[in-house]
Amino acid sequence: MAMTTNDDLGALEARYMAAIEAAGDVPALEEVRVAALGKKGEVSLKMRDLGAMSPEERKVFGPALNGLKDRLTSAIEAKKSALEADALNAALASERVDITLPAARAPKGSLHPVSQVMEELAVIFADMGFAVAEGPDVEDDFHNFTALNFPADHPARDTHDTFFMEKGEDGTAKLLRTHTSPVQIRTLMNSEPPVRIIAPGRVYRCDWDQTHTPMFHQVEGLVIDKDTHMGHLKGCLIDFIAAFFETDEVEVRFRPHHFPFTEPSAEMDVRYERVGDAVKVGSGDKWLEILGCGMVHPNVIKACGLDPDVYQGFAFGMGVDRLAMLKYGMSDLRPFFEPDPRWLSHYGFSPLLQANLATGLS
């Protein structure tokens, strides 16, 4: 076996240092490491030769080989860090996105049908001069029931229909609003007539089946002035149905009904025929209930601090989710609130196409 000398170690170190420096990527550097420091690498084999040396030789070449191994290991680690940094910088440079450029493809996001219908409602009623008003989801008994002329023993005040909360520090009963009508009360109490608003938003009731959910969406309308009458209400709602279902053929009927906050009260039906899961308004031999409406009850006007002998008006309310189901052909309400991107991909709308009356709502 040839004897190892310091000159041999120097030449070995120089050769591997040059190979380390010349490595162009991490895989090439790994090949150099294995050739030098692997189990069968040159430096590793020379470490094994120490056993055949005399004690005096081991004192000389043991530290020399350990020093060589440490220097090669440090050089390899430094080179690897430099190569990885260079690779990262190259990837960042090649994968850089110019965010000022237009989108290369259509966005994947979709507008939920409920949001789409709310946009359509806002556009339609804005064209009639209505403003959009909002209110809190957590209400008190006065705004949700008392001011709207609900009697103390009305079934809606029971826990089987309404989500009640613990009373606050002031003893006021809190609840999740069961309709958006409290927005009408808050608007009337904080503004002077004439008032013309719609109030879209979430509402809550204890219910859960194919056509009912504990949380759903409503939109209510309110007009208060000195001269409004039932004819104005009918004309407003007929124009709304024609615009929403995008048809000139609308036939409606008003059936007497009862709501605590309107008198007289009515439910409005439209003539329709079913096409798949959607409805076609204006033809067919069936009638479909769309909404409830009526002239605002004098007690409601009085509860808001106005004189019912001077002011009058009308109100109406309808379910936004139900409107979406009717217009866009969805037979089950529950998937509206399930996290299924496939459903939204099928029924969703492009957020880039804004609803408008000029080119079509949908």
Foldseek 3Di string as FASTA:
>chain_A
DDDDDPVNLVVVLVVLLVQLVPDQADVSLVVSCCCDPNCPHPLNVVCVCLVVDDPVVCVPVVVVSVVSVVVSVVSSVVSNVVRVVVVVVVCCVVPPDDVVDDDPDADQDFAFLLNLLVLLVCQLVVVVVAAEFEDDQKDFCCLQAVLLQHDPPHPCPDVQWWAWDDADPVRTTITGRQARSSRVLVVLLPDDDQHWYKYKDKGATNDDDQPDDRIFIKIKIKGKAQDDDPVVVVVSVQSVVCQLLVHPQWDKDWAFDDDSFAPRKTWMWIAWDDDALAIRTRDDDDIDTFWIKHKGDQSSCVSSVHHSVGMIIMMIMGTSLVSSCHRQRDRGSVVSPDPDVVVCSVRGHRPVDRAHSPPGSD
